[in-house]
N, C-alpha and C. Protein backbone atom coordinates (compact mmCIF):
# COMPACT_ATOMS: atom_id res chain seq x y z
N MET A 1 97.27 143.20 106.09
CA MET A 1 98.56 142.66 105.70
C MET A 1 98.63 142.61 104.17
N ILE A 2 99.78 142.97 103.64
CA ILE A 2 100.01 142.97 102.20
C ILE A 2 100.87 141.77 101.83
N ALA A 3 100.38 140.96 100.90
CA ALA A 3 101.15 139.81 100.42
C ALA A 3 102.12 140.29 99.35
N ARG A 4 103.33 139.75 99.37
CA ARG A 4 104.36 140.09 98.40
C ARG A 4 104.94 138.80 97.84
N LEU A 5 105.53 138.91 96.66
CA LEU A 5 106.16 137.73 96.06
C LEU A 5 107.48 137.41 96.73
N SER A 6 108.21 138.40 97.20
CA SER A 6 109.49 138.14 97.85
C SER A 6 109.31 138.19 99.37
N THR A 7 110.26 137.65 100.08
CA THR A 7 110.15 137.61 101.54
C THR A 7 110.49 138.96 102.18
N GLY A 8 111.23 139.78 101.49
CA GLY A 8 111.58 141.10 102.02
C GLY A 8 111.34 142.16 100.97
N PRO A 9 111.61 143.40 101.32
CA PRO A 9 111.40 144.47 100.35
C PRO A 9 112.29 144.28 99.12
N GLY A 10 111.69 144.43 97.97
CA GLY A 10 112.44 144.31 96.73
C GLY A 10 113.02 145.65 96.33
N ARG A 11 113.68 145.66 95.21
CA ARG A 11 114.35 146.85 94.70
C ARG A 11 113.39 148.03 94.55
N TYR A 12 112.16 147.77 94.15
CA TYR A 12 111.18 148.83 93.92
C TYR A 12 109.95 148.70 94.82
N ASP A 13 110.09 148.03 95.94
CA ASP A 13 108.94 147.83 96.82
C ASP A 13 108.40 149.16 97.36
N ASP A 14 109.29 150.11 97.63
CA ASP A 14 108.83 151.41 98.12
C ASP A 14 108.00 152.14 97.06
N ALA A 15 108.42 152.08 95.81
CA ALA A 15 107.66 152.71 94.72
C ALA A 15 106.33 151.99 94.52
N CYS A 16 106.33 150.68 94.67
CA CYS A 16 105.11 149.89 94.53
C CYS A 16 104.12 150.26 95.63
N THR A 17 104.61 150.39 96.85
CA THR A 17 103.76 150.79 97.97
C THR A 17 103.18 152.18 97.72
N ALA A 18 104.01 153.11 97.26
CA ALA A 18 103.54 154.47 97.00
C ALA A 18 102.45 154.48 95.92
N ALA A 19 102.65 153.70 94.85
CA ALA A 19 101.65 153.65 93.77
C ALA A 19 100.37 153.00 94.26
N ARG A 20 100.47 151.93 95.06
CA ARG A 20 99.28 151.27 95.59
C ARG A 20 98.48 152.21 96.47
N GLN A 21 99.19 152.93 97.34
CA GLN A 21 98.50 153.86 98.23
C GLN A 21 97.92 155.05 97.47
N ALA A 22 98.65 155.57 96.49
CA ALA A 22 98.19 156.73 95.72
C ALA A 22 96.94 156.40 94.90
N THR A 23 96.84 155.15 94.47
CA THR A 23 95.70 154.74 93.64
C THR A 23 94.62 154.05 94.44
N ASP A 24 94.86 153.82 95.73
CA ASP A 24 93.93 153.11 96.60
C ASP A 24 93.62 151.72 96.04
N ALA A 25 94.63 151.11 95.43
CA ALA A 25 94.45 149.79 94.81
C ALA A 25 94.55 148.68 95.86
N SER A 26 93.87 147.58 95.60
CA SER A 26 93.99 146.43 96.48
C SER A 26 95.16 145.54 96.06
N SER A 27 95.57 145.67 94.80
CA SER A 27 96.70 144.90 94.29
C SER A 27 97.43 145.73 93.24
N ILE A 28 98.73 145.48 93.12
CA ILE A 28 99.51 146.22 92.13
C ILE A 28 100.71 145.40 91.68
N VAL A 29 101.02 145.52 90.40
CA VAL A 29 102.22 144.92 89.83
C VAL A 29 103.00 146.07 89.21
N LEU A 30 104.21 146.29 89.67
CA LEU A 30 105.05 147.35 89.15
C LEU A 30 106.22 146.72 88.42
N LEU A 31 106.35 147.04 87.14
CA LEU A 31 107.44 146.54 86.31
C LEU A 31 108.28 147.73 85.90
N VAL A 32 109.54 147.72 86.28
CA VAL A 32 110.45 148.82 85.98
C VAL A 32 111.53 148.32 85.03
N ILE A 33 111.69 149.02 83.93
CA ILE A 33 112.70 148.66 82.94
C ILE A 33 113.67 149.83 82.83
N GLY A 34 114.92 149.58 83.18
CA GLY A 34 115.95 150.61 83.08
C GLY A 34 115.76 151.75 84.06
N GLY A 35 115.28 151.46 85.25
CA GLY A 35 115.07 152.49 86.26
C GLY A 35 116.38 152.91 86.92
N ASN A 36 116.28 153.88 87.84
CA ASN A 36 117.48 154.37 88.50
C ASN A 36 118.13 153.35 89.43
N ARG A 37 117.43 152.27 89.72
CA ARG A 37 118.00 151.17 90.51
C ARG A 37 118.10 149.90 89.67
N GLY A 38 118.13 150.08 88.36
CA GLY A 38 118.15 148.94 87.45
C GLY A 38 116.74 148.48 87.14
N SER A 39 116.63 147.37 86.48
CA SER A 39 115.33 146.81 86.13
C SER A 39 114.85 145.88 87.25
N GLY A 40 113.56 145.81 87.42
CA GLY A 40 113.02 144.93 88.45
C GLY A 40 111.51 145.03 88.49
N TYR A 41 110.94 144.33 89.45
CA TYR A 41 109.48 144.37 89.61
C TYR A 41 109.14 144.19 91.08
N SER A 42 107.92 144.59 91.40
CA SER A 42 107.39 144.41 92.73
C SER A 42 105.91 144.10 92.61
N VAL A 43 105.43 143.20 93.43
CA VAL A 43 104.02 142.81 93.43
C VAL A 43 103.51 142.88 94.85
N GLN A 44 102.36 143.54 95.02
CA GLN A 44 101.71 143.60 96.32
C GLN A 44 100.23 143.32 96.14
N ALA A 45 99.66 142.57 97.06
CA ALA A 45 98.24 142.24 96.98
C ALA A 45 97.66 142.12 98.37
N VAL A 46 96.46 142.69 98.57
CA VAL A 46 95.75 142.53 99.83
C VAL A 46 95.26 141.09 99.94
N ASP A 47 94.80 140.53 98.83
CA ASP A 47 94.31 139.16 98.78
C ASP A 47 95.43 138.23 98.31
N PRO A 48 95.98 137.40 99.18
CA PRO A 48 97.08 136.52 98.80
C PRO A 48 96.72 135.56 97.66
N GLN A 49 95.43 135.29 97.45
CA GLN A 49 95.03 134.40 96.37
C GLN A 49 95.33 135.00 95.01
N LEU A 50 95.43 136.34 94.94
CA LEU A 50 95.79 136.97 93.67
C LEU A 50 97.15 136.47 93.21
N LEU A 51 98.05 136.27 94.13
CA LEU A 51 99.39 135.82 93.76
C LEU A 51 99.34 134.46 93.06
N GLU A 52 98.39 133.62 93.45
CA GLU A 52 98.23 132.32 92.80
C GLU A 52 97.69 132.47 91.38
N ARG A 53 96.87 133.49 91.15
CA ARG A 53 96.27 133.72 89.83
C ARG A 53 97.14 134.62 88.95
N LEU A 54 98.17 135.22 89.50
CA LEU A 54 98.97 136.19 88.78
C LEU A 54 99.64 135.65 87.52
N PRO A 55 100.24 134.47 87.52
CA PRO A 55 100.85 134.00 86.28
C PRO A 55 99.87 133.93 85.10
N GLY A 56 98.67 133.44 85.34
CA GLY A 56 97.67 133.38 84.28
C GLY A 56 97.23 134.77 83.83
N LEU A 57 97.08 135.68 84.78
CA LEU A 57 96.71 137.05 84.46
C LEU A 57 97.78 137.73 83.62
N LEU A 58 99.04 137.52 83.98
CA LEU A 58 100.13 138.12 83.20
C LEU A 58 100.21 137.53 81.79
N ARG A 59 99.95 136.23 81.66
CA ARG A 59 99.91 135.62 80.32
C ARG A 59 98.80 136.25 79.48
N PHE A 60 97.63 136.48 80.10
CA PHE A 60 96.51 137.11 79.41
C PHE A 60 96.89 138.52 78.94
N VAL A 61 97.51 139.30 79.82
CA VAL A 61 97.93 140.66 79.46
C VAL A 61 98.96 140.61 78.34
N ALA A 62 99.89 139.69 78.41
CA ALA A 62 100.91 139.56 77.36
C ALA A 62 100.27 139.23 76.01
N GLU A 63 99.29 138.36 76.00
CA GLU A 63 98.60 138.01 74.76
C GLU A 63 97.83 139.20 74.21
N GLU A 64 97.21 139.99 75.08
CA GLU A 64 96.50 141.19 74.65
C GLU A 64 97.46 142.20 74.02
N ILE A 65 98.61 142.39 74.64
CA ILE A 65 99.61 143.31 74.09
C ILE A 65 100.09 142.81 72.73
N LYS A 66 100.35 141.52 72.63
CA LYS A 66 100.81 140.93 71.37
C LYS A 66 99.76 141.11 70.28
N ARG A 67 98.50 140.87 70.61
CA ARG A 67 97.42 141.01 69.66
C ARG A 67 97.29 142.47 69.19
N ASP A 68 97.39 143.41 70.13
CA ASP A 68 97.33 144.82 69.77
C ASP A 68 98.46 145.22 68.83
N LEU A 69 99.65 144.72 69.10
CA LEU A 69 100.80 145.05 68.26
C LEU A 69 100.65 144.48 66.85
N GLU A 70 100.06 143.30 66.76
CA GLU A 70 99.87 142.67 65.45
C GLU A 70 98.82 143.39 64.61
N GLU A 71 97.89 144.09 65.27
CA GLU A 71 96.83 144.79 64.56
C GLU A 71 97.28 146.14 64.02
N THR A 72 98.40 146.65 64.52
CA THR A 72 98.86 147.98 64.06
C THR A 72 99.79 147.89 62.89
């Protein structure tokens, strides 16, 4: 079973599923900006506990991106 943030398929859930299967990933976060169906995101995880840790993980990634941008 795949855990999702929304109760039903999101705008890009099909693309998220395709990317997860193509990469054989156990979890995936897909962020689409200005896509053909507008902007949106989809999250899928085999381990539902990842969803609980996701906000902290995304903050960490955001800080890493910010730090990289400040160094250039």
